[in-house]
Amino acid sequence: MESKFSKVLLVHNNRKTSKHEKCIENIKKILFGINFEIIDVENIEKNHFGNVDLVITAGGDGTFIKAASFLNDTLILG
């Protein structure tokens, strides 16, 4: 199945709980075959969002809000 997304950015927070790590691994499995980059929310900069079709956040409200602050017309899923 061909993806409608040419590049996805997965932004996560730095939680080290097993539940959070399992969530990240599950998202990676879903994105298998799609070009994606994963980055910690504390390290994001505007240049990470170039040519991104979808941003997925895994974390709390702060992770979503910080990632969204870099976006204009890009889809975001939190």
PDB file of N, CA and C in Angstrom:
ATOM      1  N   MET A   1       0.843  -1.182   0.000  1.00  0.00           N
ATOM      2  CA  MET A   1       0.000   0.000   0.000  1.00  0.00           C
ATOM      3  C   MET A   1       0.886   1.242   0.000  1.00  0.00           C
ATOM      4  N   GLU A   2       0.614   2.153  -0.891  1.00  0.00           N
ATOM      5  CA  GLU A   2       1.406   3.371  -0.998  1.00  0.00           C
ATOM      6  C   GLU A   2       0.907   4.408  -0.003  1.00  0.00           C
ATOM      7  N   SER A   3       1.841   5.075   0.666  1.00  0.00           N
ATOM      8  CA  SER A   3       1.502   6.100   1.640  1.00  0.00           C
ATOM      9  C   SER A   3       1.215   7.420   0.940  1.00  0.00           C
ATOM     10  N   LYS A   4       0.309   8.192   1.500  1.00  0.00           N
ATOM     11  CA  LYS A   4       0.033   9.533   1.005  1.00  0.00           C
ATOM     12  C   LYS A   4       1.034  10.532   1.575  1.00  0.00           C
ATOM     13  N   PHE A   5       1.897  10.062   2.452  1.00  0.00           N
ATOM     14  CA  PHE A   5       2.870  10.922   3.104  1.00  0.00           C
ATOM     15  C   PHE A   5       4.274  10.580   2.621  1.00  0.00           C
ATOM     16  N   SER A   6       4.983  11.603   2.139  1.00  0.00           N
ATOM     17  CA  SER A   6       6.349  11.348   1.692  1.00  0.00           C
ATOM     18  C   SER A   6       7.349  11.483   2.839  1.00  0.00           C
ATOM     19  N   LYS A   7       6.990  12.266   3.871  1.00  0.00           N
ATOM     20  CA  LYS A   7       7.866  12.383   5.035  1.00  0.00           C
ATOM     21  C   LYS A   7       7.032  12.677   6.274  1.00  0.00           C
ATOM     22  N   VAL A   8       7.315  11.926   7.335  1.00  0.00           N
ATOM     23  CA  VAL A   8       6.623  12.075   8.612  1.00  0.00           C
ATOM     24  C   VAL A   8       7.661  12.397   9.678  1.00  0.00           C
ATOM     25  N   LEU A   9       7.305  13.283  10.595  1.00  0.00           N
ATOM     26  CA  LEU A   9       8.167  13.607  11.724  1.00  0.00           C
ATOM     27  C   LEU A   9       7.480  13.140  12.998  1.00  0.00           C
ATOM     28  N   LEU A  10       8.144  12.281  13.744  1.00  0.00           N
ATOM     29  CA  LEU A  10       7.643  11.797  15.032  1.00  0.00           C
ATOM     30  C   LEU A  10       8.370  12.550  16.127  1.00  0.00           C
ATOM     31  N   VAL A  11       7.639  13.369  16.869  1.00  0.00           N
ATOM     32  CA  VAL A  11       8.202  14.164  17.959  1.00  0.00           C
ATOM     33  C   VAL A  11       7.752  13.522  19.264  1.00  0.00           C
ATOM     34  N   HIS A  12       8.711  13.224  20.133  1.00  0.00           N
ATOM     35  CA  HIS A  12       8.358  12.590  21.405  1.00  0.00           C
ATOM     36  C   HIS A  12       9.039  13.319  22.548  1.00  0.00           C
ATOM     37  N   ASN A  13       8.538  13.072  23.758  1.00  0.00           N
ATOM     38  CA  ASN A  13       9.228  13.633  24.907  1.00  0.00           C
ATOM     39  C   ASN A  13      10.186  12.581  25.458  1.00  0.00           C
ATOM     40  N   ASN A  14      10.955  12.948  26.429  1.00  0.00           N
ATOM     41  CA  ASN A  14      12.044  12.103  26.899  1.00  0.00           C
ATOM     42  C   ASN A  14      11.649  11.207  28.075  1.00  0.00           C
ATOM     43  N   ARG A  15      10.404  10.808  28.134  1.00  0.00           N
ATOM     44  CA  ARG A  15       9.979   9.891  29.197  1.00  0.00           C
ATOM     45  C   ARG A  15      10.684   8.559  29.023  1.00  0.00           C
ATOM     46  N   LYS A  16      11.014   7.949  30.103  1.00  0.00           N
ATOM     47  CA  LYS A  16      11.701   6.663  30.035  1.00  0.00           C
ATOM     48  C   LYS A  16      10.848   5.536  30.626  1.00  0.00           C
ATOM     49  N   THR A  17       9.532   5.725  30.634  1.00  0.00           N
ATOM     50  CA  THR A  17       8.671   4.663  31.143  1.00  0.00           C
ATOM     51  C   THR A  17       8.491   3.589  30.080  1.00  0.00           C
ATOM     52  N   SER A  18       8.229   2.378  30.517  1.00  0.00           N
ATOM     53  CA  SER A  18       8.047   1.284  29.559  1.00  0.00           C
ATOM     54  C   SER A  18       6.811   1.511  28.694  1.00  0.00           C
ATOM     55  N   LYS A  19       5.782   2.120  29.252  1.00  0.00           N
ATOM     56  CA  LYS A  19       4.563   2.401  28.490  1.00  0.00           C
ATOM     57  C   LYS A  19       4.846   3.400  27.362  1.00  0.00           C
ATOM     58  N   HIS A  20       5.624   4.429  27.657  1.00  0.00           N
ATOM     59  CA  HIS A  20       5.965   5.429  26.643  1.00  0.00           C
ATOM     60  C   HIS A  20       6.856   4.812  25.563  1.00  0.00           C
ATOM     61  N   GLU A  21       7.852   4.049  25.960  1.00  0.00           N
ATOM     62  CA  GLU A  21       8.743   3.416  24.990  1.00  0.00           C
ATOM     63  C   GLU A  21       7.988   2.433  24.102  1.00  0.00           C
ATOM     64  N   LYS A  22       7.015   1.715  24.671  1.00  0.00           N
ATOM     65  CA  LYS A  22       6.202   0.792  23.874  1.00  0.00           C
ATOM     66  C   LYS A  22       5.351   1.571  22.863  1.00  0.00           C
ATOM     67  N   CYS A  23       4.845   2.714  23.266  1.00  0.00           N
ATOM     68  CA  CYS A  23       4.062   3.561  22.366  1.00  0.00           C
ATOM     69  C   CYS A  23       4.916   3.998  21.174  1.00  0.00           C
ATOM     70  N   ILE A  24       6.143   4.439  21.445  1.00  0.00           N
ATOM     71  CA  ILE A  24       7.053   4.864  20.375  1.00  0.00           C
ATOM     72  C   ILE A  24       7.333   3.704  19.427  1.00  0.00           C
ATOM     73  N   GLU A  25       7.593   2.530  19.975  1.00  0.00           N
ATOM     74  CA  GLU A  25       7.863   1.357  19.134  1.00  0.00           C
ATOM     75  C   GLU A  25       6.654   1.003  18.278  1.00  0.00           C
ATOM     76  N   ASN A  26       5.447   1.103  18.819  1.00  0.00           N
ATOM     77  CA  ASN A  26       4.239   0.821  18.043  1.00  0.00           C
ATOM     78  C   ASN A  26       4.051   1.820  16.907  1.00  0.00           C
ATOM     79  N   ILE A  27       4.339   3.076  17.168  1.00  0.00           N
ATOM     80  CA  ILE A  27       4.242   4.093  16.107  1.00  0.00           C
ATOM     81  C   ILE A  27       5.256   3.790  15.005  1.00  0.00           C
ATOM     82  N   LYS A  28       6.468   3.416  15.392  1.00  0.00           N
ATOM     83  CA  LYS A  28       7.492   3.062  14.395  1.00  0.00           C
ATOM     84  C   LYS A  28       7.026   1.894  13.526  1.00  0.00           C
ATOM     85  N   LYS A  29       6.368   0.902  14.118  1.00  0.00           N
ATOM     86  CA  LYS A  29       5.860  -0.238  13.343  1.00  0.00           C
ATOM     87  C   LYS A  29       4.801   0.211  12.347  1.00  0.00           C
ATOM     88  N   ILE A  30       3.939   1.114  12.771  1.00  0.00           N
ATOM     89  CA  ILE A  30       2.890   1.631  11.889  1.00  0.00           C
ATOM     90  C   ILE A  30       3.501   2.398  10.722  1.00  0.00           C
ATOM     91  N   LEU A  31       4.596   3.094  10.988  1.00  0.00           N
ATOM     92  CA  LEU A  31       5.255   3.904   9.961  1.00  0.00           C
ATOM     93  C   LEU A  31       6.205   3.100   9.086  1.00  0.00           C
ATOM     94  N   PHE A  32       6.309   1.803   9.300  1.00  0.00           N
ATOM     95  CA  PHE A  32       7.221   0.970   8.516  1.00  0.00           C
ATOM     96  C   PHE A  32       6.957   1.178   7.025  1.00  0.00           C
ATOM     97  N   GLY A  33       8.020   1.459   6.287  1.00  0.00           N
ATOM     98  CA  GLY A  33       7.906   1.670   4.848  1.00  0.00           C
ATOM     99  C   GLY A  33       7.669   3.120   4.462  1.00  0.00           C
ATOM    100  N   ILE A  34       7.481   3.983   5.460  1.00  0.00           N
ATOM    101  CA  ILE A  34       7.285   5.408   5.219  1.00  0.00           C
ATOM    102  C   ILE A  34       8.545   6.135   5.675  1.00  0.00           C
ATOM    103  N   ASN A  35       8.973   7.112   4.921  1.00  0.00           N
ATOM    104  CA  ASN A  35      10.128   7.917   5.304  1.00  0.00           C
ATOM    105  C   ASN A  35       9.752   8.742   6.530  1.00  0.00           C
ATOM    106  N   PHE A  36      10.406   8.467   7.669  1.00  0.00           N
ATOM    107  CA  PHE A  36      10.119   9.244   8.861  1.00  0.00           C
ATOM    108  C   PHE A  36      11.390   9.521   9.645  1.00  0.00           C
ATOM    109  N   GLU A  37      11.302  10.578  10.438  1.00  0.00           N
ATOM    110  CA  GLU A  37      12.387  10.972  11.334  1.00  0.00           C
ATOM    111  C   GLU A  37      11.792  11.049  12.729  1.00  0.00           C
ATOM    112  N   ILE A  38      12.556  10.666  13.730  1.00  0.00           N
ATOM    113  CA  ILE A  38      12.114  10.755  15.111  1.00  0.00           C
ATOM    114  C   ILE A  38      13.053  11.690  15.854  1.00  0.00           C
ATOM    115  N   ILE A  39      12.461  12.563  16.660  1.00  0.00           N
ATOM    116  CA  ILE A  39      13.270  13.541  17.380  1.00  0.00           C
ATOM    117  C   ILE A  39      12.631  13.861  18.733  1.00  0.00           C
ATOM    118  N   ASP A  40      13.488  14.108  19.711  1.00  0.00           N
ATOM    119  CA  ASP A  40      13.038  14.513  21.041  1.00  0.00           C
ATOM    120  C   ASP A  40      12.534  15.953  20.976  1.00  0.00           C
ATOM    121  N   VAL A  41      11.451  16.220  21.646  1.00  0.00           N
ATOM    122  CA  VAL A  41      10.835  17.548  21.611  1.00  0.00           C
ATOM    123  C   VAL A  41      11.802  18.637  22.079  1.00  0.00           C
ATOM    124  N   GLU A  42      12.720  18.309  22.955  1.00  0.00           N
ATOM    125  CA  GLU A  42      13.671  19.304  23.454  1.00  0.00           C
ATOM    126  C   GLU A  42      14.688  19.718  22.393  1.00  0.00           C
ATOM    127  N   ASN A  43      14.805  18.945  21.331  1.00  0.00           N
ATOM    128  CA  ASN A  43      15.795  19.221  20.289  1.00  0.00           C
ATOM    129  C   ASN A  43      15.203  19.728  18.982  1.00  0.00           C
ATOM    130  N   ILE A  44      13.892  19.964  18.930  1.00  0.00           N
ATOM    131  CA  ILE A  44      13.310  20.374  17.652  1.00  0.00           C
ATOM    132  C   ILE A  44      13.621  21.837  17.343  1.00  0.00           C
ATOM    133  N   GLU A  45      13.791  22.065  16.055  1.00  0.00           N
ATOM    134  CA  GLU A  45      14.011  23.400  15.515  1.00  0.00           C
ATOM    135  C   GLU A  45      13.189  23.515  14.236  1.00  0.00           C
ATOM    136  N   LYS A  46      12.995  24.717  13.766  1.00  0.00           N
ATOM    137  CA  LYS A  46      12.177  24.968  12.573  1.00  0.00           C
ATOM    138  C   LYS A  46      12.628  24.126  11.381  1.00  0.00           C
ATOM    139  N   ASN A  47      13.944  23.940  11.219  1.00  0.00           N
ATOM    140  CA  ASN A  47      14.445  23.198  10.056  1.00  0.00           C
ATOM    141  C   ASN A  47      14.016  21.729  10.051  1.00  0.00           C
ATOM    142  N   HIS A  48      13.596  21.169  11.168  1.00  0.00           N
ATOM    143  CA  HIS A  48      13.133  19.777  11.201  1.00  0.00           C
ATOM    144  C   HIS A  48      11.793  19.597  10.482  1.00  0.00           C
ATOM    145  N   PHE A  49      11.082  20.684  10.252  1.00  0.00           N
ATOM    146  CA  PHE A  49       9.736  20.595   9.708  1.00  0.00           C
ATOM    147  C   PHE A  49       9.663  20.850   8.206  1.00  0.00           C
ATOM    148  N   GLY A  50      10.804  21.048   7.550  1.00  0.00           N
ATOM    149  CA  GLY A  50      10.816  21.266   6.109  1.00  0.00           C
ATOM    150  C   GLY A  50      10.396  20.017   5.356  1.00  0.00           C
ATOM    151  N   ASN A  51       9.499  20.174   4.405  1.00  0.00           N
ATOM    152  CA  ASN A  51       9.010  19.074   3.551  1.00  0.00           C
ATOM    153  C   ASN A  51       8.363  17.942   4.327  1.00  0.00           C
ATOM    154  N   VAL A  52       7.832  18.215   5.500  1.00  0.00           N
ATOM    155  CA  VAL A  52       7.133  17.210   6.297  1.00  0.00           C
ATOM    156  C   VAL A  52       5.648  17.277   5.964  1.00  0.00           C
ATOM    157  N   ASP A  53       5.043  16.114   5.696  1.00  0.00           N
ATOM    158  CA  ASP A  53       3.619  16.047   5.372  1.00  0.00           C
ATOM    159  C   ASP A  53       2.742  15.809   6.595  1.00  0.00           C
ATOM    160  N   LEU A  54       3.329  15.199   7.625  1.00  0.00           N
ATOM    161  CA  LEU A  54       2.585  14.853   8.828  1.00  0.00           C
ATOM    162  C   LEU A  54       3.532  14.878  10.012  1.00  0.00           C
ATOM    163  N   VAL A  55       3.063  15.462  11.113  1.00  0.00           N
ATOM    164  CA  VAL A  55       3.798  15.428  12.374  1.00  0.00           C
ATOM    165  C   VAL A  55       2.967  14.607  13.348  1.00  0.00           C
ATOM    166  N   ILE A  56       3.611  13.640  13.982  1.00  0.00           N
ATOM    167  CA  ILE A  56       2.968  12.840  15.023  1.00  0.00           C
ATOM    168  C   ILE A  56       3.685  13.152  16.326  1.00  0.00           C
ATOM    169  N   THR A  57       2.911  13.444  17.373  1.00  0.00           N
ATOM    170  CA  THR A  57       3.526  13.687  18.665  1.00  0.00           C
ATOM    171  C   THR A  57       3.159  12.568  19.629  1.00  0.00           C
ATOM    172  N   ALA A  58       4.128  12.178  20.435  1.00  0.00           N
ATOM    173  CA  ALA A  58       3.910  11.163  21.474  1.00  0.00           C
ATOM    174  C   ALA A  58       4.449  11.749  22.766  1.00  0.00           C
ATOM    175  N   GLY A  59       3.570  12.148  23.605  1.00  0.00           N
ATOM    176  CA  GLY A  59       3.943  12.778  24.860  1.00  0.00           C
ATOM    177  C   GLY A  59       2.720  13.474  25.418  1.00  0.00           C
ATOM    178  N   GLY A  60       2.939  14.420  26.254  1.00  0.00           N
ATOM    179  CA  GLY A  60       1.829  15.158  26.835  1.00  0.00           C
ATOM    180  C   GLY A  60       1.442  16.366  26.009  1.00  0.00           C
ATOM    181  N   ASP A  61       0.594  17.199  26.599  1.00  0.00           N
ATOM    182  CA  ASP A  61       0.131  18.408  25.915  1.00  0.00           C
ATOM    183  C   ASP A  61       1.285  19.308  25.519  1.00  0.00           C
ATOM    184  N   GLY A  62       2.316  19.374  26.345  1.00  0.00           N
ATOM    185  CA  GLY A  62       3.462  20.236  26.048  1.00  0.00           C
ATOM    186  C   GLY A  62       4.175  19.829  24.775  1.00  0.00           C
ATOM    187  N   THR A  63       4.271  18.530  24.535  1.00  0.00           N
ATOM    188  CA  THR A  63       4.913  18.026  23.319  1.00  0.00           C
ATOM    189  C   THR A  63       4.119  18.448  22.098  1.00  0.00           C
ATOM    190  N   PHE A  64       2.815  18.295  22.166  1.00  0.00           N
ATOM    191  CA  PHE A  64       1.941  18.675  21.060  1.00  0.00           C
ATOM    192  C   PHE A  64       2.024  20.179  20.796  1.00  0.00           C
ATOM    193  N   ILE A  65       1.908  20.965  21.854  1.00  0.00           N
ATOM    194  CA  ILE A  65       1.898  22.426  21.705  1.00  0.00           C
ATOM    195  C   ILE A  65       3.220  22.931  21.153  1.00  0.00           C
ATOM    196  N   LYS A  66       4.337  22.403  21.651  1.00  0.00           N
ATOM    197  CA  LYS A  66       5.635  22.862  21.161  1.00  0.00           C
ATOM    198  C   LYS A  66       5.807  22.513  19.686  1.00  0.00           C
ATOM    199  N   ALA A  67       5.441  21.288  19.287  1.00  0.00           N
ATOM    200  CA  ALA A  67       5.555  20.899  17.879  1.00  0.00           C
ATOM    201  C   ALA A  67       4.623  21.750  17.016  1.00  0.00           C
ATOM    202  N   ALA A  68       3.407  21.962  17.482  1.00  0.00           N
ATOM    203  CA  ALA A  68       2.432  22.741  16.713  1.00  0.00           C
ATOM    204  C   ALA A  68       2.878  24.180  16.511  1.00  0.00           C
ATOM    205  N   SER A  69       3.679  24.696  17.426  1.00  0.00           N
ATOM    206  CA  SER A  69       4.113  26.091  17.315  1.00  0.00           C
ATOM    207  C   SER A  69       5.027  26.320  16.105  1.00  0.00           C
ATOM    208  N   PHE A  70       5.544  25.244  15.519  1.00  0.00           N
ATOM    209  CA  PHE A  70       6.418  25.352  14.340  1.00  0.00           C
ATOM    210  C   PHE A  70       5.641  25.189  13.030  1.00  0.00           C
ATOM    211  N   LEU A  71       4.348  24.900  13.109  1.00  0.00           N
ATOM    212  CA  LEU A  71       3.576  24.530  11.923  1.00  0.00           C
ATOM    213  C   LEU A  71       2.662  25.641  11.439  1.00  0.00           C
ATOM    214  N   ASN A  72       2.424  25.620  10.125  1.00  0.00           N
ATOM    215  CA  ASN A  72       1.432  26.508   9.524  1.00  0.00           C
ATOM    216  C   ASN A  72       0.321  25.683   8.893  1.00  0.00           C
ATOM    217  N   ASP A  73       0.654  24.899   7.864  1.00  0.00           N
ATOM    218  CA  ASP A  73      -0.347  24.138   7.122  1.00  0.00           C
ATOM    219  C   ASP A  73      -0.122  22.626   7.176  1.00  0.00           C
ATOM    220  N   THR A  74       0.742  22.172   8.031  1.00  0.00           N
ATOM    221  CA  THR A  74       1.069  20.749   8.104  1.00  0.00           C
ATOM    222  C   THR A  74       0.118  20.038   9.057  1.00  0.00           C
ATOM    223  N   LEU A  75      -0.295  18.835   8.683  1.00  0.00           N
ATOM    224  CA  LEU A  75      -1.149  18.033   9.543  1.00  0.00           C
ATOM    225  C   LEU A  75      -0.383  17.602  10.787  1.00  0.00           C
ATOM    226  N   ILE A  76      -1.082  17.544  11.935  1.00  0.00           N
ATOM    227  CA  ILE A  76      -0.464  17.082  13.176  1.00  0.00           C
ATOM    228  C   ILE A  76      -1.416  16.123  13.872  1.00  0.00           C
ATOM    229  N   LEU A  77      -0.862  15.056  14.389  1.00  0.00           N
ATOM    230  CA  LEU A  77      -1.624  14.036  15.108  1.00  0.00           C
ATOM    231  C   LEU A  77      -0.982  13.863  16.465  1.00  0.00           C
ATOM    232  N   GLY A  78      -1.756  14.036  17.514  1.00  0.00           N
ATOM    233  CA  GLY A  78      -1.217  13.928  18.873  1.00  0.00           C
ATOM    234  C   GLY A  78      -1.924  12.893  19.680  1.00  0.00           C
TER     235      GLY A  78
END
